[in-house]
Amino acid sequence: SGLYALQRFSRAISTTLEENQIFSGIETNFLEDLGFEKALIYLLE
């Protein structure tokens, strides 16, 4: 299930070259397929 979710995510982010749209590709249902319901991404500026 996780690998299928990763495959869907890979397809989603491979269709964009904009940084903001890459992060928006991580959705709640995608996390649930991995067994999680919370997620955060931080970048060091």
ModelCIF file with pLDDT and N, C-alpha, C, O atoms, coordinates in Angstrom:
data_MODEL
#
_entry.id   MODEL 
#
_entity.id                         1 
_entity.type                       polymer 
_entity.pdbx_number_of_molecules   1 
#
_entity_poly.entity_id                      1 
_entity_poly.type                           'polypeptide(L)' 
_entity_poly.nstd_linkage                   no 
_entity_poly.nstd_monomer                   no 
_entity_poly.pdbx_seq_one_letter_code       SGLYALQRFSRAISTTLEENQIFSGIETNFLEDLGFEKALIYLLE 
_entity_poly.pdbx_seq_one_letter_code_can   SGLYALQRFSRAISTTLEENQIFSGIETNFLEDLGFEKALIYLLE 
_entity_poly.pdbx_strand_id                 A 
#
loop_
_entity_poly_seq.entity_id 
_entity_poly_seq.num 
_entity_poly_seq.mon_id 
_entity_poly_seq.hetero 
1 1  SER n 
1 2  GLY n 
1 3  LEU n 
1 4  TYR n 
1 5  ALA n 
1 6  LEU n 
1 7  GLN n 
1 8  ARG n 
1 9  PHE n 
1 10 SER n 
1 11 ARG n 
1 12 ALA n 
1 13 ILE n 
1 14 SER n 
1 15 THR n 
1 16 THR n 
1 17 LEU n 
1 18 GLU n 
1 19 GLU n 
1 20 ASN n 
1 21 GLN n 
1 22 ILE n 
1 23 PHE n 
1 24 SER n 
1 25 GLY n 
1 26 ILE n 
1 27 GLU n 
1 28 THR n 
1 29 ASN n 
1 30 PHE n 
1 31 LEU n 
1 32 GLU n 
1 33 ASP n 
1 34 LEU n 
1 35 GLY n 
1 36 PHE n 
1 37 GLU n 
1 38 LYS n 
1 39 ALA n 
1 40 LEU n 
1 41 ILE n 
1 42 TYR n 
1 43 LEU n 
1 44 LEU n 
1 45 GLU n 
#
_struct_asym.id          A 
_struct_asym.entity_id   1 
#
loop_
_ma_qa_metric.id 
_ma_qa_metric.mode 
_ma_qa_metric.name 
_ma_qa_metric.software_group_id 
_ma_qa_metric.type 
1 global pLDDT . pLDDT 
2 local  pLDDT . pLDDT 
#
_ma_qa_metric_global.metric_id      1 
_ma_qa_metric_global.metric_value   73.07 
_ma_qa_metric_global.model_id       1 
_ma_qa_metric_global.ordinal_id     1 
#
loop_
_ma_qa_metric_local.label_asym_id 
_ma_qa_metric_local.label_comp_id 
_ma_qa_metric_local.label_seq_id 
_ma_qa_metric_local.metric_id 
_ma_qa_metric_local.metric_value 
_ma_qa_metric_local.model_id 
_ma_qa_metric_local.ordinal_id 
A SER 1  2 65.00 1 1  
A GLY 2  2 62.00 1 2  
A LEU 3  2 65.00 1 3  
A TYR 4  2 67.00 1 4  
A ALA 5  2 64.00 1 5  
A LEU 6  2 65.00 1 6  
A GLN 7  2 67.00 1 7  
A ARG 8  2 67.00 1 8  
A PHE 9  2 67.00 1 9  
A SER 10 2 68.00 1 10 
A ARG 11 2 67.00 1 11 
A ALA 12 2 63.00 1 12 
A ILE 13 2 66.00 1 13 
A SER 14 2 66.00 1 14 
A THR 15 2 64.00 1 15 
A THR 16 2 67.00 1 16 
A LEU 17 2 68.00 1 17 
A GLU 18 2 72.00 1 18 
A GLU 19 2 70.00 1 19 
A ASN 20 2 69.00 1 20 
A GLN 21 2 71.00 1 21 
A ILE 22 2 75.00 1 22 
A PHE 23 2 75.00 1 23 
A SER 24 2 71.00 1 24 
A GLY 25 2 66.00 1 25 
A ILE 26 2 71.00 1 26 
A GLU 27 2 68.00 1 27 
A THR 28 2 66.00 1 28 
A ASN 29 2 68.00 1 29 
A PHE 30 2 72.00 1 30 
A LEU 31 2 73.00 1 31 
A GLU 32 2 74.00 1 32 
A ASP 33 2 73.00 1 33 
A LEU 34 2 77.00 1 34 
A GLY 35 2 78.00 1 35 
A PHE 36 2 84.00 1 36 
A GLU 37 2 87.00 1 37 
A LYS 38 2 89.00 1 38 
A ALA 39 2 89.00 1 39 
A LEU 40 2 91.00 1 40 
A ILE 41 2 89.00 1 41 
A TYR 42 2 90.00 1 42 
A LEU 43 2 90.00 1 43 
A LEU 44 2 87.00 1 44 
A GLU 45 2 85.00 1 45 
#
loop_
_atom_site.group_PDB 
_atom_site.id 
_atom_site.type_symbol 
_atom_site.label_atom_id 
_atom_site.label_alt_id 
_atom_site.label_comp_id 
_atom_site.label_asym_id 
_atom_site.label_entity_id 
_atom_site.label_seq_id 
_atom_site.pdbx_PDB_ins_code 
_atom_site.Cartn_x 
_atom_site.Cartn_y 
_atom_site.Cartn_z 
_atom_site.occupancy 
_atom_site.B_iso_or_equiv 
_atom_site.pdbx_formal_charge 
_atom_site.auth_seq_id 
_atom_site.auth_comp_id 
_atom_site.auth_asym_id 
_atom_site.auth_atom_id 
_atom_site.pdbx_PDB_model_num 
ATOM 1   N N  . SER A 1 1  ? 0.827  -1.199 0.000   1.00 65.00 ? 1  SER A N  1 
ATOM 2   C CA . SER A 1 1  ? 0.000  0.000  0.000   1.00 65.00 ? 1  SER A CA 1 
ATOM 3   C C  . SER A 1 1  ? 0.865  1.255  0.000   1.00 65.00 ? 1  SER A C  1 
ATOM 4   O O  . SER A 1 1  ? 0.579  2.223  -0.704  1.00 65.00 ? 1  SER A O  1 
ATOM 5   N N  . GLY A 1 2  ? 1.936  1.222  0.807   1.00 62.00 ? 2  GLY A N  1 
ATOM 6   C CA . GLY A 1 2  ? 2.850  2.368  0.848   1.00 62.00 ? 2  GLY A CA 1 
ATOM 7   C C  . GLY A 1 2  ? 3.562  2.591  -0.469  1.00 62.00 ? 2  GLY A C  1 
ATOM 8   O O  . GLY A 1 2  ? 3.741  3.731  -0.898  1.00 62.00 ? 2  GLY A O  1 
ATOM 9   N N  . LEU A 1 3  ? 3.973  1.497  -1.120  1.00 65.00 ? 3  LEU A N  1 
ATOM 10  C CA . LEU A 1 3  ? 4.659  1.625  -2.409  1.00 65.00 ? 3  LEU A CA 1 
ATOM 11  C C  . LEU A 1 3  ? 3.725  2.182  -3.475  1.00 65.00 ? 3  LEU A C  1 
ATOM 12  O O  . LEU A 1 3  ? 4.132  2.995  -4.305  1.00 65.00 ? 3  LEU A O  1 
ATOM 13  N N  . TYR A 1 4  ? 2.451  1.732  -3.448  1.00 67.00 ? 4  TYR A N  1 
ATOM 14  C CA . TYR A 1 4  ? 1.473  2.297  -4.383  1.00 67.00 ? 4  TYR A CA 1 
ATOM 15  C C  . TYR A 1 4  ? 1.285  3.787  -4.117  1.00 67.00 ? 4  TYR A C  1 
ATOM 16  O O  . TYR A 1 4  ? 1.179  4.593  -5.042  1.00 67.00 ? 4  TYR A O  1 
ATOM 17  N N  . ALA A 1 5  ? 1.248  4.132  -2.832  1.00 64.00 ? 5  ALA A N  1 
ATOM 18  C CA . ALA A 1 5  ? 1.098  5.545  -2.477  1.00 64.00 ? 5  ALA A CA 1 
ATOM 19  C C  . ALA A 1 5  ? 2.300  6.353  -2.952  1.00 64.00 ? 5  ALA A C  1 
ATOM 20  O O  . ALA A 1 5  ? 2.145  7.460  -3.467  1.00 64.00 ? 5  ALA A O  1 
ATOM 21  N N  . LEU A 1 6  ? 3.502  5.795  -2.778  1.00 65.00 ? 6  LEU A N  1 
ATOM 22  C CA . LEU A 1 6  ? 4.712  6.473  -3.254  1.00 65.00 ? 6  LEU A CA 1 
ATOM 23  C C  . LEU A 1 6  ? 4.699  6.616  -4.766  1.00 65.00 ? 6  LEU A C  1 
ATOM 24  O O  . LEU A 1 6  ? 5.144  7.628  -5.308  1.00 65.00 ? 6  LEU A O  1 
ATOM 25  N N  . GLN A 1 7  ? 4.184  5.593  -5.445  1.00 67.00 ? 7  GLN A N  1 
ATOM 26  C CA . GLN A 1 7  ? 4.111  5.668  -6.907  1.00 67.00 ? 7  GLN A CA 1 
ATOM 27  C C  . GLN A 1 7  ? 3.187  6.794  -7.343  1.00 67.00 ? 7  GLN A C  1 
ATOM 28  O O  . GLN A 1 7  ? 3.506  7.540  -8.270  1.00 67.00 ? 7  GLN A O  1 
ATOM 29  N N  . ARG A 1 8  ? 2.031  6.921  -6.670  1.00 67.00 ? 8  ARG A N  1 
ATOM 30  C CA . ARG A 1 8  ? 1.104  8.008  -6.995  1.00 67.00 ? 8  ARG A CA 1 
ATOM 31  C C  . ARG A 1 8  ? 1.750  9.363  -6.709  1.00 67.00 ? 8  ARG A C  1 
ATOM 32  O O  . ARG A 1 8  ? 1.599  10.316 -7.473  1.00 67.00 ? 8  ARG A O  1 
ATOM 33  N N  . PHE A 1 9  ? 2.469  9.424  -5.598  1.00 67.00 ? 9  PHE A N  1 
ATOM 34  C CA . PHE A 1 9  ? 3.131  10.679 -5.246  1.00 67.00 ? 9  PHE A CA 1 
ATOM 35  C C  . PHE A 1 9  ? 4.212  11.035 -6.272  1.00 67.00 ? 9  PHE A C  1 
ATOM 36  O O  . PHE A 1 9  ? 4.352  12.197 -6.656  1.00 67.00 ? 9  PHE A O  1 
ATOM 37  N N  . SER A 1 10 ? 4.974  10.028 -6.712  1.00 68.00 ? 10 SER A N  1 
ATOM 38  C CA . SER A 1 10 ? 6.029  10.270 -7.710  1.00 68.00 ? 10 SER A CA 1 
ATOM 39  C C  . SER A 1 10 ? 5.435  10.818 -8.993  1.00 68.00 ? 10 SER A C  1 
ATOM 40  O O  . SER A 1 10 ? 5.985  11.739 -9.597  1.00 68.00 ? 10 SER A O  1 
ATOM 41  N N  . ARG A 1 11 ? 4.295  10.244 -9.415  1.00 67.00 ? 11 ARG A N  1 
ATOM 42  C CA . ARG A 1 11 ? 3.647  10.749 -10.628 1.00 67.00 ? 11 ARG A CA 1 
ATOM 43  C C  . ARG A 1 11 ? 3.162  12.178 -10.434 1.00 67.00 ? 11 ARG A C  1 
ATOM 44  O O  . ARG A 1 11 ? 3.234  13.004 -11.343 1.00 67.00 ? 11 ARG A O  1 
ATOM 45  N N  . ALA A 1 12 ? 2.664  12.454 -9.223  1.00 63.00 ? 12 ALA A N  1 
ATOM 46  C CA . ALA A 1 12 ? 2.128  13.794 -8.951  1.00 63.00 ? 12 ALA A CA 1 
ATOM 47  C C  . ALA A 1 12 ? 3.224  14.851 -9.004  1.00 63.00 ? 12 ALA A C  1 
ATOM 48  O O  . ALA A 1 12 ? 3.031  15.910 -9.600  1.00 63.00 ? 12 ALA A O  1 
ATOM 49  N N  . ILE A 1 13 ? 4.387  14.573 -8.380  1.00 66.00 ? 13 ILE A N  1 
ATOM 50  C CA . ILE A 1 13 ? 5.434  15.587 -8.327  1.00 66.00 ? 13 ILE A CA 1 
ATOM 51  C C  . ILE A 1 13 ? 6.255  15.637 -9.606  1.00 66.00 ? 13 ILE A C  1 
ATOM 52  O O  . ILE A 1 13 ? 6.940  16.627 -9.865  1.00 66.00 ? 13 ILE A O  1 
ATOM 53  N N  . SER A 1 14 ? 6.192  14.565 -10.418 1.00 66.00 ? 14 SER A N  1 
ATOM 54  C CA . SER A 1 14 ? 6.963  14.574 -11.669 1.00 66.00 ? 14 SER A CA 1 
ATOM 55  C C  . SER A 1 14 ? 6.318  15.447 -12.735 1.00 66.00 ? 14 SER A C  1 
ATOM 56  O O  . SER A 1 14 ? 6.943  15.767 -13.746 1.00 66.00 ? 14 SER A O  1 
ATOM 57  N N  . THR A 1 15 ? 5.047  15.838 -12.502 1.00 64.00 ? 15 THR A N  1 
ATOM 58  C CA . THR A 1 15 ? 4.347  16.650 -13.495 1.00 64.00 ? 15 THR A CA 1 
ATOM 59  C C  . THR A 1 15 ? 4.518  18.140 -13.253 1.00 64.00 ? 15 THR A C  1 
ATOM 60  O O  . THR A 1 15 ? 3.976  18.950 -14.004 1.00 64.00 ? 15 THR A O  1 
ATOM 61  N N  . THR A 1 16 ? 5.267  18.521 -12.213 1.00 67.00 ? 16 THR A N  1 
ATOM 62  C CA . THR A 1 16 ? 5.457  19.941 -11.925 1.00 67.00 ? 16 THR A CA 1 
ATOM 63  C C  . THR A 1 16 ? 6.918  20.249 -11.651 1.00 67.00 ? 16 THR A C  1 
ATOM 64  O O  . THR A 1 16 ? 7.671  19.408 -11.161 1.00 67.00 ? 16 THR A O  1 
ATOM 65  N N  . LEU A 1 17 ? 7.293  21.455 -11.973 1.00 68.00 ? 17 LEU A N  1 
ATOM 66  C CA . LEU A 1 17 ? 8.642  21.929 -11.680 1.00 68.00 ? 17 LEU A CA 1 
ATOM 67  C C  . LEU A 1 17 ? 8.581  23.188 -10.816 1.00 68.00 ? 17 LEU A C  1 
ATOM 68  O O  . LEU A 1 17 ? 9.518  23.986 -10.793 1.00 68.00 ? 17 LEU A O  1 
ATOM 69  N N  . GLU A 1 18 ? 7.445  23.356 -10.094 1.00 72.00 ? 18 GLU A N  1 
ATOM 70  C CA . GLU A 1 18 ? 7.286  24.472 -9.175  1.00 72.00 ? 18 GLU A CA 1 
ATOM 71  C C  . GLU A 1 18 ? 7.366  23.949 -7.752  1.00 72.00 ? 18 GLU A C  1 
ATOM 72  O O  . GLU A 1 18 ? 6.700  22.973 -7.406  1.00 72.00 ? 18 GLU A O  1 
ATOM 73  N N  . GLU A 1 19 ? 8.179  24.596 -6.928  1.00 70.00 ? 19 GLU A N  1 
ATOM 74  C CA . GLU A 1 19 ? 8.471  24.101 -5.585  1.00 70.00 ? 19 GLU A CA 1 
ATOM 75  C C  . GLU A 1 19 ? 7.216  23.994 -4.733  1.00 70.00 ? 19 GLU A C  1 
ATOM 76  O O  . GLU A 1 19 ? 7.044  22.987 -4.046  1.00 70.00 ? 19 GLU A O  1 
ATOM 77  N N  . ASN A 1 20 ? 6.332  24.986 -4.748  1.00 69.00 ? 20 ASN A N  1 
ATOM 78  C CA . ASN A 1 20 ? 5.132  24.969 -3.904  1.00 69.00 ? 20 ASN A CA 1 
ATOM 79  C C  . ASN A 1 20 ? 4.195  23.823 -4.274  1.00 69.00 ? 20 ASN A C  1 
ATOM 80  O O  . ASN A 1 20 ? 3.576  23.215 -3.400  1.00 69.00 ? 20 ASN A O  1 
ATOM 81  N N  . GLN A 1 21 ? 4.091  23.530 -5.565  1.00 71.00 ? 21 GLN A N  1 
ATOM 82  C CA . GLN A 1 21 ? 3.209  22.448 -6.004  1.00 71.00 ? 21 GLN A CA 1 
ATOM 83  C C  . GLN A 1 21 ? 3.751  21.082 -5.615  1.00 71.00 ? 21 GLN A C  1 
ATOM 84  O O  . GLN A 1 21 ? 2.985  20.128 -5.477  1.00 71.00 ? 21 GLN A O  1 
ATOM 85  N N  . ILE A 1 22 ? 5.064  20.978 -5.436  1.00 75.00 ? 22 ILE A N  1 
ATOM 86  C CA . ILE A 1 22 ? 5.654  19.712 -4.996  1.00 75.00 ? 22 ILE A CA 1 
ATOM 87  C C  . ILE A 1 22 ? 5.138  19.358 -3.601  1.00 75.00 ? 22 ILE A C  1 
ATOM 88  O O  . ILE A 1 22 ? 4.756  18.213 -3.359  1.00 75.00 ? 22 ILE A O  1 
ATOM 89  N N  . PHE A 1 23 ? 5.124  20.323 -2.686  1.00 75.00 ? 23 PHE A N  1 
ATOM 90  C CA . PHE A 1 23 ? 4.676  20.066 -1.317  1.00 75.00 ? 23 PHE A CA 1 
ATOM 91  C C  . PHE A 1 23 ? 3.177  19.797 -1.271  1.00 75.00 ? 23 PHE A C  1 
ATOM 92  O O  . PHE A 1 23 ? 2.708  18.999 -0.460  1.00 75.00 ? 23 PHE A O  1 
ATOM 93  N N  . SER A 1 24 ? 2.432  20.466 -2.142  1.00 71.00 ? 24 SER A N  1 
ATOM 94  C CA . SER A 1 24 ? 0.989  20.255 -2.129  1.00 71.00 ? 24 SER A CA 1 
ATOM 95  C C  . SER A 1 24 ? 0.613  18.877 -2.641  1.00 71.00 ? 24 SER A C  1 
ATOM 96  O O  . SER A 1 24 ? -0.544 18.472 -2.524  1.00 71.00 ? 24 SER A O  1 
ATOM 97  N N  . GLY A 1 25 ? 1.575  18.143 -3.211  1.00 66.00 ? 25 GLY A N  1 
ATOM 98  C CA . GLY A 1 25 ? 1.316  16.784 -3.684  1.00 66.00 ? 25 GLY A CA 1 
ATOM 99  C C  . GLY A 1 25 ? 1.148  15.788 -2.561  1.00 66.00 ? 25 GLY A C  1 
ATOM 100 O O  . GLY A 1 25 ? 0.637  14.689 -2.781  1.00 66.00 ? 25 GLY A O  1 
ATOM 101 N N  . ILE A 1 26 ? 1.576  16.155 -1.341  1.00 71.00 ? 26 ILE A N  1 
ATOM 102 C CA . ILE A 1 26 ? 1.395  15.274 -0.184  1.00 71.00 ? 26 ILE A CA 1 
ATOM 103 C C  . ILE A 1 26 ? 0.030  15.557 0.415   1.00 71.00 ? 26 ILE A C  1 
ATOM 104 O O  . ILE A 1 26 ? -0.162 16.588 1.061   1.00 71.00 ? 26 ILE A O  1 
ATOM 105 N N  . GLU A 1 27 ? -0.918 14.657 0.211   1.00 68.00 ? 27 GLU A N  1 
ATOM 106 C CA . GLU A 1 27 ? -2.281 14.840 0.689   1.00 68.00 ? 27 GLU A CA 1 
ATOM 107 C C  . GLU A 1 27 ? -2.566 13.921 1.868   1.00 68.00 ? 27 GLU A C  1 
ATOM 108 O O  . GLU A 1 27 ? -1.806 12.995 2.155   1.00 68.00 ? 27 GLU A O  1 
ATOM 109 N N  . THR A 1 28 ? -3.696 14.199 2.558   1.00 66.00 ? 28 THR A N  1 
ATOM 110 C CA . THR A 1 28 ? -4.053 13.428 3.753   1.00 66.00 ? 28 THR A CA 1 
ATOM 111 C C  . THR A 1 28 ? -4.280 11.962 3.429   1.00 66.00 ? 28 THR A C  1 
ATOM 112 O O  . THR A 1 28 ? -3.819 11.088 4.163   1.00 66.00 ? 28 THR A O  1 
ATOM 113 N N  . ASN A 1 29 ? -4.993 11.678 2.329   1.00 68.00 ? 29 ASN A N  1 
ATOM 114 C CA . ASN A 1 29 ? -5.251 10.276 1.983   1.00 68.00 ? 29 ASN A CA 1 
ATOM 115 C C  . ASN A 1 29 ? -3.965 9.548  1.626   1.00 68.00 ? 29 ASN A C  1 
ATOM 116 O O  . ASN A 1 29 ? -3.846 8.341  1.837   1.00 68.00 ? 29 ASN A O  1 
ATOM 117 N N  . PHE A 1 30 ? -3.006 10.285 1.087   1.00 72.00 ? 30 PHE A N  1 
ATOM 118 C CA . PHE A 1 30 ? -1.703 9.676  0.795   1.00 72.00 ? 30 PHE A CA 1 
ATOM 119 C C  . PHE A 1 30 ? -1.004 9.267  2.089   1.00 72.00 ? 30 PHE A C  1 
ATOM 120 O O  . PHE A 1 30 ? -0.431 8.181  2.174   1.00 72.00 ? 30 PHE A O  1 
ATOM 121 N N  . LEU A 1 31 ? -1.055 10.150 3.106   1.00 73.00 ? 31 LEU A N  1 
ATOM 122 C CA . LEU A 1 31 ? -0.458 9.826  4.405   1.00 73.00 ? 31 LEU A CA 1 
ATOM 123 C C  . LEU A 1 31 ? -1.146 8.635  5.052   1.00 73.00 ? 31 LEU A C  1 
ATOM 124 O O  . LEU A 1 31 ? -0.492 7.775  5.642   1.00 73.00 ? 31 LEU A O  1 
ATOM 125 N N  . GLU A 1 32 ? -2.476 8.586  4.938   1.00 74.00 ? 32 GLU A N  1 
ATOM 126 C CA . GLU A 1 32 ? -3.218 7.481  5.542   1.00 74.00 ? 32 GLU A CA 1 
ATOM 127 C C  . GLU A 1 32 ? -2.824 6.151  4.925   1.00 74.00 ? 32 GLU A C  1 
ATOM 128 O O  . GLU A 1 32 ? -2.777 5.131  5.613   1.00 74.00 ? 32 GLU A O  1 
ATOM 129 N N  . ASP A 1 33 ? -2.541 6.158  3.628   1.00 73.00 ? 33 ASP A N  1 
ATOM 130 C CA . ASP A 1 33 ? -2.081 4.923  2.982   1.00 73.00 ? 33 ASP A CA 1 
ATOM 131 C C  . ASP A 1 33 ? -0.741 4.475  3.545   1.00 73.00 ? 33 ASP A C  1 
ATOM 132 O O  . ASP A 1 33 ? -0.425 3.286  3.537   1.00 73.00 ? 33 ASP A O  1 
ATOM 133 N N  . LEU A 1 34 ? 0.045  5.427  4.034   1.00 77.00 ? 34 LEU A N  1 
ATOM 134 C CA . LEU A 1 34 ? 1.320  5.081  4.663   1.00 77.00 ? 34 LEU A CA 1 
ATOM 135 C C  . LEU A 1 34 ? 1.163  4.766  6.147   1.00 77.00 ? 34 LEU A C  1 
ATOM 136 O O  . LEU A 1 34 ? 2.110  4.306  6.786   1.00 77.00 ? 34 LEU A O  1 
ATOM 137 N N  . GLY A 1 35 ? -0.019 5.008  6.697   1.00 78.00 ? 35 GLY A N  1 
ATOM 138 C CA . GLY A 1 35 ? -0.257 4.721  8.101   1.00 78.00 ? 35 GLY A CA 1 
ATOM 139 C C  . GLY A 1 35 ? -0.052 5.912  9.012   1.00 78.00 ? 35 GLY A C  1 
ATOM 140 O O  . GLY A 1 35 ? 0.142  5.729  10.214  1.00 78.00 ? 35 GLY A O  1 
ATOM 141 N N  . PHE A 1 36 ? -0.089 7.130  8.486   1.00 84.00 ? 36 PHE A N  1 
ATOM 142 C CA . PHE A 1 36 ? 0.115  8.344  9.278   1.00 84.00 ? 36 PHE A CA 1 
ATOM 143 C C  . PHE A 1 36 ? -1.022 9.317  8.997   1.00 84.00 ? 36 PHE A C  1 
ATOM 144 O O  . PHE A 1 36 ? -1.681 9.235  7.961   1.00 84.00 ? 36 PHE A O  1 
ATOM 145 N N  . GLU A 1 37 ? -1.243 10.239 9.931   1.00 87.00 ? 37 GLU A N  1 
ATOM 146 C CA . GLU A 1 37 ? -2.230 11.284 9.692   1.00 87.00 ? 37 GLU A CA 1 
ATOM 147 C C  . GLU A 1 37 ? -1.687 12.686 9.936   1.00 87.00 ? 37 GLU A C  1 
ATOM 148 O O  . GLU A 1 37 ? -2.408 13.669 9.767   1.00 87.00 ? 37 GLU A O  1 
ATOM 149 N N  . LYS A 1 38 ? -0.422 12.782 10.331  1.00 89.00 ? 38 LYS A N  1 
ATOM 150 C CA . LYS A 1 38 ? 0.207  14.078 10.553  1.00 89.00 ? 38 LYS A CA 1 
ATOM 151 C C  . LYS A 1 38 ? 1.501  14.168 9.750   1.00 89.00 ? 38 LYS A C  1 
ATOM 152 O O  . LYS A 1 38 ? 2.217  13.180 9.591   1.00 89.00 ? 38 LYS A O  1 
ATOM 153 N N  . ALA A 1 39 ? 1.790  15.375 9.242   1.00 89.00 ? 39 ALA A N  1 
ATOM 154 C CA . ALA A 1 39 ? 3.019  15.576 8.463   1.00 89.00 ? 39 ALA A CA 1 
ATOM 155 C C  . ALA A 1 39 ? 3.445  17.031 8.526   1.00 89.00 ? 39 ALA A C  1 
ATOM 156 O O  . ALA A 1 39 ? 2.610  17.934 8.569   1.00 89.00 ? 39 ALA A O  1 
ATOM 157 N N  . LEU A 1 40 ? 4.753  17.248 8.530   1.00 91.00 ? 40 LEU A N  1 
ATOM 158 C CA . LEU A 1 40 ? 5.352  18.582 8.491   1.00 91.00 ? 40 LEU A CA 1 
ATOM 159 C C  . LEU A 1 40 ? 6.577  18.549 7.591   1.00 91.00 ? 40 LEU A C  1 
ATOM 160 O O  . LEU A 1 40 ? 7.295  17.550 7.544   1.00 91.00 ? 40 LEU A O  1 
ATOM 161 N N  . ILE A 1 41 ? 6.813  19.647 6.874   1.00 89.00 ? 41 ILE A N  1 
ATOM 162 C CA . ILE A 1 41 ? 8.058  19.807 6.109   1.00 89.00 ? 41 ILE A CA 1 
ATOM 163 C C  . ILE A 1 41 ? 8.632  21.176 6.443   1.00 89.00 ? 41 ILE A C  1 
ATOM 164 O O  . ILE A 1 41 ? 7.953  22.196 6.326   1.00 89.00 ? 41 ILE A O  1 
ATOM 165 N N  . TYR A 1 42 ? 9.887  21.180 6.859   1.00 90.00 ? 42 TYR A N  1 
ATOM 166 C CA . TYR A 1 42 ? 10.596 22.431 7.146   1.00 90.00 ? 42 TYR A CA 1 
ATOM 167 C C  . TYR A 1 42 ? 11.867 22.471 6.311   1.00 90.00 ? 42 TYR A C  1 
ATOM 168 O O  . TYR A 1 42 ? 12.549 21.459 6.148   1.00 90.00 ? 42 TYR A O  1 
ATOM 169 N N  . LEU A 1 43 ? 12.180 23.662 5.779   1.00 90.00 ? 43 LEU A N  1 
ATOM 170 C CA . LEU A 1 43 ? 13.425 23.889 5.045   1.00 90.00 ? 43 LEU A CA 1 
ATOM 171 C C  . LEU A 1 43 ? 14.237 24.949 5.776   1.00 90.00 ? 43 LEU A C  1 
ATOM 172 O O  . LEU A 1 43 ? 13.690 25.915 6.308   1.00 90.00 ? 43 LEU A O  1 
ATOM 173 N N  . LEU A 1 44 ? 15.557 24.751 5.794   1.00 87.00 ? 44 LEU A N  1 
ATOM 174 C CA . LEU A 1 44 ? 16.451 25.693 6.460   1.00 87.00 ? 44 LEU A CA 1 
ATOM 175 C C  . LEU A 1 44 ? 16.778 26.830 5.497   1.00 87.00 ? 44 LEU A C  1 
ATOM 176 O O  . LEU A 1 44 ? 17.462 26.621 4.495   1.00 87.00 ? 44 LEU A O  1 
ATOM 177 N N  . GLU A 1 45 ? 16.293 28.026 5.798   1.00 85.00 ? 45 GLU A N  1 
ATOM 178 C CA . GLU A 1 45 ? 16.491 29.175 4.926   1.00 85.00 ? 45 GLU A CA 1 
ATOM 179 C C  . GLU A 1 45 ? 17.879 29.790 5.121   1.00 85.00 ? 45 GLU A C  1 
ATOM 180 O O  . GLU A 1 45 ? 18.216 30.773 4.461   1.00 85.00 ? 45 GLU A O  1 
#
